[in-house]
Protein backbone atom coordinates (compact mmCIF):
# COMPACT_ATOMS: atom_id res chain seq x y z
CA MET A 1 0.00 0.00 0.00
CA THR A 2 1.34 3.41 -0.85
CA VAL A 3 1.50 6.32 1.48
CA SER A 4 -1.19 8.24 -0.37
CA GLU A 5 -3.60 5.27 -0.24
CA ARG A 6 -2.96 4.92 3.48
CA LYS A 7 -3.70 8.63 4.00
CA ASN A 8 -6.96 8.30 2.07
CA GLU A 9 -7.93 5.27 4.15
CA ASP A 10 -7.10 7.07 7.39
CA ALA A 11 -9.09 10.08 6.22
CA MET A 12 -12.09 7.84 5.45
CA THR A 13 -11.79 6.15 8.84
CA ASP A 14 -11.67 9.53 10.57
CA ALA A 15 -14.73 10.70 8.58
CA THR A 16 -16.61 7.52 9.52
CA ALA A 17 -15.72 7.99 13.17
CA GLU A 18 -16.94 11.59 13.07
CA GLN A 19 -20.23 10.51 11.50
CA ALA A 20 -20.71 7.86 14.18
CA GLU A 21 -20.08 10.44 16.90
CA ALA A 22 -22.57 12.78 15.22
CA VAL A 23 -25.20 10.03 15.19
CA GLU A 24 -24.56 9.26 18.86
CA LYS A 25 -24.80 12.95 19.76
CA SER A 26 -28.05 13.45 17.83
CA GLY A 27 -29.47 10.24 19.34
CA LYS A 28 -28.64 11.50 22.81
CA ALA A 29 -30.11 14.90 22.00
CA GLY A 30 -33.37 13.27 20.85
CA LEU A 31 -33.51 11.22 24.03
CA ILE A 32 -32.94 14.31 26.17
CA VAL A 33 -35.62 16.30 24.29
CA GLY A 34 -38.05 13.38 24.72
CA LEU A 35 -37.40 13.18 28.45
CA VAL A 36 -37.86 16.94 28.88
CA LEU A 37 -41.18 16.85 26.99
CA ALA A 38 -42.39 13.83 29.00
CA LEU A 39 -41.56 15.57 32.28
CA ALA A 40 -43.29 18.77 31.12
CA GLY A 41 -46.39 16.77 30.14
CA ALA A 42 -46.46 14.95 33.46
CA ALA A 43 -46.06 18.22 35.38
CA GLY A 44 -48.84 19.85 33.34
CA GLY A 45 -51.17 16.88 33.93
CA TYR A 46 -50.42 16.96 37.65
CA PHE A 47 -51.13 20.69 37.78
CA LEU A 48 -54.44 20.36 35.90
CA THR A 49 -55.56 17.47 38.10
CA SER A 50 -54.51 19.01 41.41
CA SER A 51 -56.05 22.39 40.58
CA GLY A 52 -59.41 20.78 39.80
CA LEU A 53 -59.46 21.81 36.14
CA LEU A 54 -59.37 18.15 35.09
CA PRO A 55 -61.14 15.40 37.05
CA PRO A 56 -58.78 12.64 38.26
CA GLY A 57 -59.83 9.57 36.26
CA GLY A 58 -63.11 10.94 34.89
CA ASP A 59 -66.51 11.44 36.50
CA SER A 60 -67.70 8.62 38.69
CA HIS A 61 -71.30 7.44 38.51
CA GLU A 62 -72.24 9.12 41.79
CA GLU A 63 -70.80 12.48 40.74
CA THR A 64 -72.66 12.34 37.45
CA ALA A 65 -75.92 11.57 39.25
CA GLU A 66 -75.41 14.55 41.56
CA LYS A 67 -74.78 16.91 38.65
CA SER A 68 -77.78 15.75 36.62
CA PRO A 69 -80.85 17.96 37.09
CA VAL A 70 -83.26 15.10 36.33
CA ASP A 71 -83.47 12.20 38.75
CA HIS A 72 -83.83 9.66 35.93
CA ALA A 73 -87.60 10.03 36.01
CA ALA A 74 -89.63 8.49 33.23
CA PRO A 75 -89.85 10.75 30.19
CA ASN A 76 -93.15 12.50 29.53
CA VAL A 77 -94.44 10.08 26.88
CA GLN A 78 -97.56 8.14 26.05
CA PHE A 79 -98.03 5.01 23.98
CA VAL A 80 -100.44 4.75 21.07
CA ASP A 81 -101.41 1.17 20.25
CA LEU A 82 -101.67 0.39 16.56
CA PRO A 83 -103.88 -2.39 15.22
CA GLU A 84 -102.27 -5.68 14.23
CA VAL A 85 -101.30 -5.84 10.56
CA ILE A 86 -101.09 -9.07 8.55
CA VAL A 87 -99.55 -8.81 5.08
CA ALA A 88 -98.70 -11.36 2.40
CA VAL A 89 -94.95 -11.54 1.83
CA THR A 90 -93.80 -11.34 -1.80
CA THR A 91 -92.63 -14.90 -2.54
CA GLY A 92 -93.76 -17.85 -4.61
CA SER A 93 -95.36 -19.47 -1.57
CA SER A 94 -98.11 -18.14 0.66
CA ARG A 95 -96.25 -16.65 3.63
CA HIS A 96 -97.60 -13.93 5.87
CA LEU A 97 -96.10 -11.40 8.23
CA LYS A 98 -98.00 -10.62 11.41
CA PHE A 99 -96.91 -7.24 12.75
CA HIS A 100 -98.12 -5.36 15.82
CA ALA A 101 -96.56 -2.15 17.14
CA GLN A 102 -97.03 0.74 19.52
CA LEU A 103 -95.81 4.28 19.04
CA GLU A 104 -93.92 6.13 21.75
CA VAL A 105 -95.30 9.65 21.48
CA GLU A 106 -94.53 12.93 23.22
CA ALA A 107 -97.38 13.35 25.74
CA GLY A 108 -98.71 16.58 24.25
CA TYR A 109 -99.15 15.01 20.81
CA ALA A 110 -100.87 11.74 21.75
CA SER A 111 -104.36 12.85 20.72
CA GLU A 112 -103.09 14.18 17.36
CA VAL A 113 -101.26 10.93 16.63
CA GLU A 114 -104.33 8.93 17.71
CA ALA A 115 -106.42 10.86 15.18
CA MET A 116 -103.94 9.96 12.42
CA LYS A 117 -104.12 6.19 13.07
CA PRO A 118 -105.83 5.29 9.77
CA ARG A 119 -103.14 7.06 7.77
CA ILE A 120 -100.40 5.47 9.92
CA VAL A 121 -101.83 1.98 9.33
CA ASP A 122 -101.97 2.72 5.59
CA VAL A 123 -98.28 3.70 5.58
CA MET A 124 -97.40 0.56 7.57
CA ASN A 125 -99.35 -1.68 5.17
CA SER A 126 -97.78 -0.08 2.11
CA TYR A 127 -94.26 -0.43 3.45
CA LEU A 128 -94.62 -3.96 4.84
CA ARG A 129 -96.16 -5.25 1.59
CA ALA A 130 -93.13 -3.98 -0.33
CA VAL A 131 -90.60 -5.74 1.92
CA ASP A 132 -89.05 -8.84 0.33
CA LEU A 133 -88.80 -12.19 2.17
CA SER A 134 -85.00 -12.16 2.01
CA ASP A 135 -85.04 -8.78 3.78
CA LEU A 136 -87.18 -10.22 6.58
CA GLU A 137 -84.91 -13.21 7.16
CA ASP A 138 -81.88 -10.99 7.77
CA SER A 139 -80.79 -10.65 11.41
CA LEU A 140 -81.03 -6.83 11.24
CA ALA A 141 -84.45 -6.83 9.56
CA LEU A 142 -86.34 -5.66 12.63
CA VAL A 143 -83.98 -2.74 13.21
CA ARG A 144 -84.31 -1.61 9.58
CA ILE A 145 -88.10 -1.98 9.59
CA ARG A 146 -88.39 0.09 12.78
CA GLY A 147 -86.22 2.82 11.28
CA HIS A 148 -88.13 2.93 8.00
CA LEU A 149 -91.49 2.95 9.75
CA LEU A 150 -90.41 5.66 12.19
CA ARG A 151 -89.31 7.87 9.30
CA ARG A 152 -92.52 7.29 7.33
CA ILE A 153 -94.80 7.78 10.36
CA GLY A 154 -92.88 10.95 11.23
CA MET A 155 -93.67 12.29 7.78
CA VAL A 156 -97.38 11.53 8.28
CA VAL A 157 -97.88 12.94 11.79
CA GLY A 158 -95.13 15.58 11.81
CA GLU A 159 -91.50 15.47 12.87
CA GLY A 160 -90.75 15.24 16.59
CA ARG A 161 -94.13 13.85 17.62
CA VAL A 162 -93.29 10.14 17.52
CA ARG A 163 -90.15 9.17 19.41
CA ASP A 164 -90.00 5.46 18.59
CA VAL A 165 -91.79 2.50 17.07
CA LEU A 166 -92.02 -0.34 19.57
CA VAL A 167 -92.50 -3.74 17.95
CA MET A 168 -94.86 -5.88 20.03
CA GLU A 169 -95.21 -8.79 17.61
CA PHE A 170 -93.23 -9.82 14.52
CA VAL A 171 -94.18 -13.28 13.25
CA LEU A 172 -93.40 -14.69 9.82
CA ASN A 173 -95.65 -17.70 8.95
């Protein structure tokens, strides 16, 4: 090996050593910055918790009950019973769906909804006759039917009057 090659090799070794030191220094700097930020976050969390600005571990059930203005009393609703509906299901065979429901109605609107019963039953019949057998056999069929009926009944009696459709009977023969 010549002297000039040896100098080049030594220069490369020195450059590699400097790069390794630079990586170690930047790695240590990152670790130090991370520790400082973690300590600052912990101190800030302790301050917020001890000063009462942040509850320690969230609201407990008892604290939530104390803060609530309502003592979990029953909502001011009434139930309007709808007549039982039997519809033929659209298939090749003669299958029928027996459906009975009640409407959960805001108490002030019960008489208005009661007066609209014939139109509500018409909407129910129209919708249930259009439902396909494969839709009824699905595990989420009842949830979908309730949602569709609630939306349609809400359009008939007015939005906000009917809170829910309660299915009393759902039999597919």
